[in-house]
Amino acid sequence: MPEVSRFFGVVIAIYWQDHGVPHFHAKYGESRASFSIGELRLLEGSLPPRVTALVVEWAFRYRDELQEDWNLAVARKPLKSIPPLE
């Protein structure tokens, strides 16, 4: 999995083979969800409400870095790590 960040038990990844709107995936335990980078809205899946709030807070802070990693993924280049939420 092309992990770009990890915090409070949440793993954030961007997949090389994904297409469509720029987005990222969040995994927390058995829960999984994907969020758009531009609008920071839930595209599919679900996370506990508190975890969703943490993921959106993190993504808002690092939206530019997420977009940069999306562009790298589309170009099939190595992704950069993004700092965790602290």
C-alpha atoms as a PDB file:
ATOM      1  CA  MET A   1       0.000   0.000   0.000  1.00  0.00           C
ATOM      2  CA  PRO A   2       1.449   3.420  -0.942  1.00  0.00           C
ATOM      3  CA  GLU A   3       1.162   4.945   2.514  1.00  0.00           C
ATOM      4  CA  VAL A   4       1.801   8.685   2.737  1.00  0.00           C
ATOM      5  CA  SER A   5       0.977   9.313   6.413  1.00  0.00           C
ATOM      6  CA  ARG A   6      -0.065   7.628   9.648  1.00  0.00           C
ATOM      7  CA  PHE A   7      -1.513   9.174  12.822  1.00  0.00           C
ATOM      8  CA  PHE A   8      -3.690   8.056  15.744  1.00  0.00           C
ATOM      9  CA  GLY A   9      -4.143   4.623  14.175  1.00  0.00           C
ATOM     10  CA  VAL A  10      -5.232   6.084  10.807  1.00  0.00           C
ATOM     11  CA  VAL A  11      -3.319   5.085   7.679  1.00  0.00           C
ATOM     12  CA  ILE A  12      -3.519   7.436   4.679  1.00  0.00           C
ATOM     13  CA  ALA A  13      -2.687   6.109   1.203  1.00  0.00           C
ATOM     14  CA  ILE A  14      -2.860   7.094  -2.444  1.00  0.00           C
ATOM     15  CA  TYR A  15      -3.024   4.271  -4.958  1.00  0.00           C
ATOM     16  CA  TRP A  16      -1.161   4.329  -8.263  1.00  0.00           C
ATOM     17  CA  GLN A  17      -3.914   2.653 -10.273  1.00  0.00           C
ATOM     18  CA  ASP A  18      -6.781   4.887  -9.108  1.00  0.00           C
ATOM     19  CA  HIS A  19      -8.489   7.092 -11.644  1.00  0.00           C
ATOM     20  CA  GLY A  20     -11.088   9.820 -11.564  1.00  0.00           C
ATOM     21  CA  VAL A  21     -11.263  12.701  -9.151  1.00  0.00           C
ATOM     22  CA  PRO A  22      -8.088  13.264  -7.085  1.00  0.00           C
ATOM     23  CA  HIS A  23      -8.622  11.447  -3.798  1.00  0.00           C
ATOM     24  CA  PHE A  24      -6.957   9.593  -0.962  1.00  0.00           C
ATOM     25  CA  HIS A  25      -7.846   6.581   1.154  1.00  0.00           C
ATOM     26  CA  ALA A  26      -8.054   6.394   4.942  1.00  0.00           C
ATOM     27  CA  LYS A  27      -8.010   3.157   6.913  1.00  0.00           C
ATOM     28  CA  TYR A  28      -8.786   2.857  10.612  1.00  0.00           C
ATOM     29  CA  GLY A  29      -9.052  -0.661  11.994  1.00  0.00           C
ATOM     30  CA  GLU A  30     -11.572  -2.438   9.773  1.00  0.00           C
ATOM     31  CA  SER A  31     -13.080   0.853   8.515  1.00  0.00           C
ATOM     32  CA  ARG A  32     -12.103   2.322   5.176  1.00  0.00           C
ATOM     33  CA  ALA A  33     -13.082   5.481   3.325  1.00  0.00           C
ATOM     34  CA  SER A  34     -11.948   7.635   0.437  1.00  0.00           C
ATOM     35  CA  PHE A  35     -12.064  11.444   0.353  1.00  0.00           C
ATOM     36  CA  SER A  36     -11.736  13.951  -2.478  1.00  0.00           C
ATOM     37  CA  ILE A  37      -8.685  16.182  -2.203  1.00  0.00           C
ATOM     38  CA  GLY A  38     -10.278  19.301  -3.675  1.00  0.00           C
ATOM     39  CA  GLU A  39     -13.491  19.383  -1.654  1.00  0.00           C
ATOM     40  CA  LEU A  40     -12.429  17.126   1.236  1.00  0.00           C
ATOM     41  CA  ARG A  41     -15.697  15.257   1.019  1.00  0.00           C
ATOM     42  CA  LEU A  42     -16.353  11.602   1.663  1.00  0.00           C
ATOM     43  CA  LEU A  43     -16.553   9.710  -1.636  1.00  0.00           C
ATOM     44  CA  GLU A  44     -17.170   6.200  -0.344  1.00  0.00           C
ATOM     45  CA  GLY A  45     -16.890   4.034   2.727  1.00  0.00           C
ATOM     46  CA  SER A  46     -17.148   5.168   6.321  1.00  0.00           C
ATOM     47  CA  LEU A  47     -15.073   5.874   9.389  1.00  0.00           C
ATOM     48  CA  PRO A  48     -16.158   6.587  12.947  1.00  0.00           C
ATOM     49  CA  PRO A  49     -17.261  10.258  13.200  1.00  0.00           C
ATOM     50  CA  ARG A  50     -14.307  11.339  15.361  1.00  0.00           C
ATOM     51  CA  VAL A  51     -11.848   9.672  12.979  1.00  0.00           C
ATOM     52  CA  THR A  52     -13.523  11.322   9.986  1.00  0.00           C
ATOM     53  CA  ALA A  53     -13.086  14.705  11.700  1.00  0.00           C
ATOM     54  CA  LEU A  54      -9.390  14.005  12.320  1.00  0.00           C
ATOM     55  CA  VAL A  55      -8.831  12.907   8.719  1.00  0.00           C
ATOM     56  CA  VAL A  56     -10.541  16.016   7.326  1.00  0.00           C
ATOM     57  CA  GLU A  57      -8.576  18.257   9.706  1.00  0.00           C
ATOM     58  CA  TRP A  58      -5.319  16.626   8.580  1.00  0.00           C
ATOM     59  CA  ALA A  59      -6.267  16.789   4.891  1.00  0.00           C
ATOM     60  CA  PHE A  60      -7.201  20.469   5.155  1.00  0.00           C
ATOM     61  CA  ARG A  61      -3.774  21.198   6.625  1.00  0.00           C
ATOM     62  CA  TYR A  62      -1.931  19.175   3.960  1.00  0.00           C
ATOM     63  CA  ARG A  63      -4.180  19.591   0.906  1.00  0.00           C
ATOM     64  CA  ASP A  64      -1.339  20.920  -1.293  1.00  0.00           C
ATOM     65  CA  GLU A  65       0.889  17.981  -0.348  1.00  0.00           C
ATOM     66  CA  LEU A  66      -1.949  15.540  -1.062  1.00  0.00           C
ATOM     67  CA  GLN A  67      -2.460  17.064  -4.499  1.00  0.00           C
ATOM     68  CA  GLU A  68       1.275  16.848  -5.174  1.00  0.00           C
ATOM     69  CA  ASP A  69       1.264  13.152  -4.205  1.00  0.00           C
ATOM     70  CA  TRP A  70      -1.790  12.559  -6.407  1.00  0.00           C
ATOM     71  CA  ASN A  71       0.085  14.096  -9.350  1.00  0.00           C
ATOM     72  CA  LEU A  72       3.103  11.904  -8.592  1.00  0.00           C
ATOM     73  CA  ALA A  73       0.865   8.815  -8.428  1.00  0.00           C
ATOM     74  CA  VAL A  74      -0.699   9.620 -11.803  1.00  0.00           C
ATOM     75  CA  ALA A  75       2.830   9.969 -13.228  1.00  0.00           C
ATOM     76  CA  ARG A  76       3.759   6.657 -11.516  1.00  0.00           C
ATOM     77  CA  LYS A  77       6.505   8.314  -9.501  1.00  0.00           C
ATOM     78  CA  PRO A  78       7.382   7.668  -5.846  1.00  0.00           C
ATOM     79  CA  LEU A  79       5.112   9.447  -3.383  1.00  0.00           C
ATOM     80  CA  LYS A  80       6.356  11.763  -0.669  1.00  0.00           C
ATOM     81  CA  SER A  81       5.591  11.304   3.011  1.00  0.00           C
ATOM     82  CA  ILE A  82       3.220  13.815   4.567  1.00  0.00           C
ATOM     83  CA  PRO A  83       3.566  14.754   8.253  1.00  0.00           C
ATOM     84  CA  PRO A  84       1.054  13.225  10.660  1.00  0.00           C
ATOM     85  CA  LEU A  85      -1.569  15.113  12.597  1.00  0.00           C
ATOM     86  CA  GLU A  86      -0.182  15.935  16.029  1.00  0.00           C
END
